[in-house]
C-alpha atoms as a PDB file:
ATOM      1  CA  MET A   1     112.969 108.420  70.820  1.00  0.00           C
ATOM      2  CA  ASN A   2     110.605 105.615  69.291  1.00  0.00           C
ATOM      3  CA  PHE A   3     107.658 104.341  71.441  1.00  0.00           C
ATOM      4  CA  ALA A   4     109.989 100.895  72.638  1.00  0.00           C
ATOM      5  CA  THR A   5     112.695 102.908  73.761  1.00  0.00           C
ATOM      6  CA  TRP A   6     110.316 105.335  75.798  1.00  0.00           C
ATOM      7  CA  LEU A   7     109.064 102.052  77.283  1.00  0.00           C
ATOM      8  CA  THR A   8     111.978 100.929  78.698  1.00  0.00           C
ATOM      9  CA  VAL A   9     112.283 103.892  81.038  1.00  0.00           C
ATOM     10  CA  GLN A  10     108.732 103.651  82.149  1.00  0.00           C
ATOM     11  CA  THR A  11     108.865 100.178  83.928  1.00  0.00           C
ATOM     12  CA  GLY A  12     108.379 101.944  87.395  1.00  0.00           C
ATOM     13  CA  ARG A  13     105.327 103.940  86.234  1.00  0.00           C
ATOM     14  CA  GLU A  14     101.660 102.654  87.515  1.00  0.00           C
ATOM     15  CA  GLY A  15      98.911 101.580  85.142  1.00  0.00           C
ATOM     16  CA  ALA A  16      98.651 100.780  81.661  1.00  0.00           C
ATOM     17  CA  ALA A  17     101.973 102.442  80.616  1.00  0.00           C
ATOM     18  CA  GLY A  18     104.066 100.608  83.257  1.00  0.00           C
ATOM     19  CA  ARG A  19     102.322  97.107  82.520  1.00  0.00           C
ATOM     20  CA  VAL A  20     103.253  97.777  78.700  1.00  0.00           C
ATOM     21  CA  ALA A  21     106.703  99.019  79.771  1.00  0.00           C
ATOM     22  CA  LEU A  22     107.217  95.794  81.997  1.00  0.00           C
ATOM     23  CA  ALA A  23     106.015  93.218  79.162  1.00  0.00           C
ATOM     24  CA  VAL A  24     108.429  94.896  76.528  1.00  0.00           C
ATOM     25  CA  ALA A  25     110.997  95.373  78.885  1.00  0.00           C
ATOM     26  CA  ASN A  26     110.881  91.577  79.624  1.00  0.00           C
ATOM     27  CA  HIS A  27     110.236  90.922  75.769  1.00  0.00           C
ATOM     28  CA  LEU A  28     113.936  92.825  74.974  1.00  0.00           C
ATOM     29  CA  ALA A  29     115.481  90.903  77.755  1.00  0.00           C
ATOM     30  CA  GLU A  30     114.328  87.563  76.129  1.00  0.00           C
ATOM     31  CA  GLY A  31     116.070  88.634  73.068  1.00  0.00           C
ATOM     32  CA  TRP A  32     113.600  90.724  71.361  1.00  0.00           C
ATOM     33  CA  THR A  33     114.976  93.432  68.654  1.00  0.00           C
ATOM     34  CA  PRO A  34     112.660  95.821  67.559  1.00  0.00           C
ATOM     35  CA  ARG A  35     112.418  96.598  64.040  1.00  0.00           C
ATOM     36  CA  SER A  36     111.062 100.189  64.353  1.00  0.00           C
ATOM     37  CA  GLY A  37     109.956 100.306  67.685  1.00  0.00           C
ATOM     38  CA  SER A  38     106.552 101.944  66.766  1.00  0.00           C
ATOM     39  CA  VAL A  39     103.403 101.456  68.750  1.00  0.00           C
ATOM     40  CA  ASP A  40     102.248  99.178  65.626  1.00  0.00           C
ATOM     41  CA  GLU A  41     104.987  96.969  66.429  1.00  0.00           C
ATOM     42  CA  VAL A  42     103.978  96.797  70.050  1.00  0.00           C
ATOM     43  CA  ARG A  43     100.296  96.423  68.978  1.00  0.00           C
ATOM     44  CA  LYS A  44     101.120  93.217  67.155  1.00  0.00           C
ATOM     45  CA  LEU A  45     103.001  91.606  70.045  1.00  0.00           C
ATOM     46  CA  ALA A  46     100.231  92.449  72.821  1.00  0.00           C
ATOM     47  CA  PRO A  47      98.470  89.075  72.410  1.00  0.00           C
ATOM     48  CA  MET A  48     101.757  87.277  72.496  1.00  0.00           C
ATOM     49  CA  LEU A  49     102.618  89.734  75.846  1.00  0.00           C
ATOM     50  CA  GLY A  50      99.205  89.035  77.514  1.00  0.00           C
ATOM     51  CA  LEU A  51      98.394  92.907  76.976  1.00  0.00           C
ATOM     52  CA  ASP A  52      95.398  94.369  76.105  1.00  0.00           C
ATOM     53  CA  LEU A  53      95.335  96.726  73.078  1.00  0.00           C
ATOM     54  CA  ALA A  54      93.750  99.229  75.704  1.00  0.00           C
ATOM     55  CA  ASP A  55      96.711  99.084  77.508  1.00  0.00           C
ATOM     56  CA  VAL A  56      98.845 100.048  74.503  1.00  0.00           C
ATOM     57  CA  ASP A  57      96.762 102.590  73.282  1.00  0.00           C
ATOM     58  CA  ALA A  58      96.784 104.159  76.853  1.00  0.00           C
ATOM     59  CA  ALA A  59     100.468 104.071  76.655  1.00  0.00           C
ATOM     60  CA  ASP A  60     100.923 105.429  73.400  1.00  0.00           C
ATOM     61  CA  ALA A  61      98.675 108.458  74.484  1.00  0.00           C
ATOM     62  CA  ARG A  62     100.980 109.136  77.271  1.00  0.00           C
ATOM     63  CA  TYR A  63     104.009 108.739  74.760  1.00  0.00           C
ATOM     64  CA  ARG A  64     102.647 111.100  72.539  1.00  0.00           C
ATOM     65  CA  VAL A  65     101.593 113.893  75.206  1.00  0.00           C
ATOM     66  CA  GLY A  66     105.417 114.327  75.698  1.00  0.00           C
ATOM     67  CA  HIS A  67     106.793 113.305  72.208  1.00  0.00           C
ATOM     68  CA  MET A  68     104.699 114.686  69.870  1.00  0.00           C
ATOM     69  CA  GLY A  69     103.853 118.547  68.541  1.00  0.00           C
ATOM     70  CA  ASN A  70     100.539 119.828  68.661  1.00  0.00           C
ATOM     71  CA  PRO A  71      99.515 120.459  65.100  1.00  0.00           C
ATOM     72  CA  PHE A  72      97.087 122.794  65.679  1.00  0.00           C
ATOM     73  CA  ARG A  73      99.489 124.995  67.741  1.00  0.00           C
ATOM     74  CA  ALA A  74     100.560 127.537  65.215  1.00  0.00           C
ATOM     75  CA  GLU A  75      96.926 128.127  64.443  1.00  0.00           C
ATOM     76  CA  GLU A  76      96.352 128.421  68.190  1.00  0.00           C
ATOM     77  CA  LEU A  77      99.140 130.845  68.526  1.00  0.00           C
ATOM     78  CA  GLU A  78      97.653 132.982  65.467  1.00  0.00           C
ATOM     79  CA  MET A  79      94.175 132.911  66.709  1.00  0.00           C
ATOM     80  CA  GLY A  80      95.522 134.229  70.188  1.00  0.00           C
ATOM     81  CA  ALA A  81      97.300 137.338  68.302  1.00  0.00           C
ATOM     82  CA  VAL A  82      94.205 138.240  66.590  1.00  0.00           C
ATOM     83  CA  ARG A  83      91.979 138.397  69.556  1.00  0.00           C
END
C-alpha cells in the first residue's frame, strides 16, 4: 500500500496524519490521480494543499512505522542470540 492510499483511510485521525489525509482525500475527490502515491509526490503538493512539510513528514513517519520493516531487526535478533 503506497502512502497516498494509506492516507485515504486516515482521514478520521487527529494530528498531522489526519490533516494530511484530509487534504489528500479532498484533492483525490477533485480528480487528482497520483502517479506513484509516494511521500515525495505528496510533499510536492503540500504548498498547493496548504500543508506544512512538517505535517507531511510526521504522517510519513507514522506510515513507515506500520509499513516498513526494521532494517536492523536481523542484527538485533542475532545479537540477542549471542547473549
